[in-house]
């Protein structure tokens, strides 16, 4: 059997990994942008990618309302679910195989 080069399109089955998450979108408020930077700084390395931008923006909007004290019932649970998606809980890190 011939050893194929991994750059051969027939061998590649998974999509390529997107780039880094980048700066907050301009549509976020100043406070939401600050929350974005906090999460990017605290998130386990390599977890957030460019395709996570929408989810992170949603989380930032939710968290800003929680901090302002005007979040509807259930927003805290929604925020917790997003944090878990981003590997920001001990159980999520274990599932992702991330130490720490």
Protein backbone atom coordinates (compact mmCIF):
# COMPACT_ATOMS: atom_id res chain seq x y z
CA UNK A 1 0.00 0.00 0.00
CA UNK A 2 1.31 3.41 -0.99
CA UNK A 3 1.82 5.96 1.80
CA UNK A 4 -0.23 9.05 0.94
CA UNK A 5 0.83 12.58 1.64
CA UNK A 6 -1.45 14.20 4.25
CA UNK A 7 -1.90 17.17 1.94
CA UNK A 8 -3.67 14.86 -0.53
CA UNK A 9 -7.34 16.04 -0.65
CA UNK A 10 -8.53 12.43 -0.62
CA UNK A 11 -6.97 11.98 2.84
CA UNK A 12 -8.35 15.15 4.41
CA UNK A 13 -11.72 14.43 5.98
CA UNK A 14 -11.91 17.08 8.72
CA UNK A 15 -12.34 20.77 7.97
CA UNK A 16 -9.34 22.95 8.56
CA UNK A 17 -9.15 24.80 11.85
CA UNK A 18 -10.27 28.42 11.64
CA UNK A 19 -8.09 31.31 12.72
CA UNK A 20 -7.97 33.04 16.07
CA UNK A 21 -11.02 34.74 17.56
CA UNK A 22 -9.70 38.28 17.06
CA UNK A 23 -10.95 41.55 18.49
CA UNK A 24 -14.54 42.12 19.58
CA UNK A 25 -17.02 42.99 16.82
CA UNK A 26 -17.73 46.72 16.48
CA UNK A 27 -21.45 46.11 17.14
CA UNK A 28 -20.73 45.26 20.80
CA UNK A 29 -20.98 47.99 23.39
CA UNK A 30 -17.91 49.11 25.29
CA UNK A 31 -18.83 46.93 28.28
CA UNK A 32 -19.57 43.92 26.05
CA UNK A 33 -16.21 44.41 24.34
CA UNK A 34 -14.49 44.40 27.72
CA UNK A 35 -16.22 41.14 28.60
CA UNK A 36 -15.05 39.74 25.23
CA UNK A 37 -11.44 40.57 26.11
CA UNK A 38 -11.82 39.06 29.61
CA UNK A 39 -13.08 35.77 28.18
CA UNK A 40 -10.43 35.63 25.45
CA UNK A 41 -7.72 36.24 28.07
CA UNK A 42 -9.10 33.62 30.48
CA UNK A 43 -10.20 30.92 28.03
CA UNK A 44 -7.99 27.84 27.71
CA UNK A 45 -5.46 28.32 24.88
CA UNK A 46 -6.55 27.12 21.47
CA UNK A 47 -10.25 26.77 22.33
CA UNK A 48 -11.70 29.94 20.81
CA UNK A 49 -11.51 30.17 17.02
CA UNK A 50 -12.91 32.60 14.48
CA UNK A 51 -16.04 30.47 14.05
CA UNK A 52 -16.83 31.06 17.76
CA UNK A 53 -17.26 34.81 17.28
CA UNK A 54 -21.06 34.75 17.16
CA UNK A 55 -21.36 32.56 20.26
CA UNK A 56 -18.92 34.71 22.19
CA UNK A 57 -20.78 37.87 21.17
CA UNK A 58 -24.04 36.35 22.44
CA UNK A 59 -22.37 35.46 25.74
CA UNK A 60 -20.97 38.99 26.10
CA UNK A 61 -24.41 40.53 25.63
CA UNK A 62 -25.91 38.15 28.20
CA UNK A 63 -23.12 38.78 30.72
CA UNK A 64 -23.37 42.56 30.31
CA UNK A 65 -27.07 42.44 31.20
CA UNK A 66 -26.35 40.23 34.21
CA UNK A 67 -23.69 42.66 35.45
CA UNK A 68 -26.03 45.62 34.93
CA UNK A 69 -28.70 43.89 37.01
CA UNK A 70 -31.33 43.84 34.26
CA UNK A 71 -31.14 40.25 33.06
CA UNK A 72 -34.37 38.28 32.60
CA UNK A 73 -34.88 35.08 34.52
CA UNK A 74 -32.77 32.27 33.10
CA UNK A 75 -29.93 34.43 31.79
CA UNK A 76 -27.52 33.15 34.45
CA UNK A 77 -28.11 29.57 33.30
CA UNK A 78 -27.66 30.66 29.68
CA UNK A 79 -24.38 32.38 30.56
CA UNK A 80 -23.20 29.24 32.37
CA UNK A 81 -24.00 27.10 29.34
CA UNK A 82 -21.89 29.37 27.12
CA UNK A 83 -19.00 29.29 29.60
CA UNK A 84 -19.12 25.52 29.51
CA UNK A 85 -19.01 25.58 25.70
CA UNK A 86 -15.87 27.70 25.88
CA UNK A 87 -14.11 25.33 28.32
CA UNK A 88 -14.43 27.73 31.24
CA UNK A 89 -15.58 25.17 33.84
CA UNK A 90 -13.59 22.33 35.41
CA UNK A 91 -15.92 19.68 33.96
CA UNK A 92 -15.71 21.21 30.47
CA UNK A 93 -11.91 21.19 30.60
CA UNK A 94 -11.91 17.51 31.57
CA UNK A 95 -14.20 16.67 28.62
CA UNK A 96 -11.95 18.71 26.30
CA UNK A 97 -8.82 17.04 27.62
CA UNK A 98 -7.42 20.36 28.86
CA UNK A 99 -5.29 20.30 32.01
CA UNK A 100 -5.96 22.81 34.77
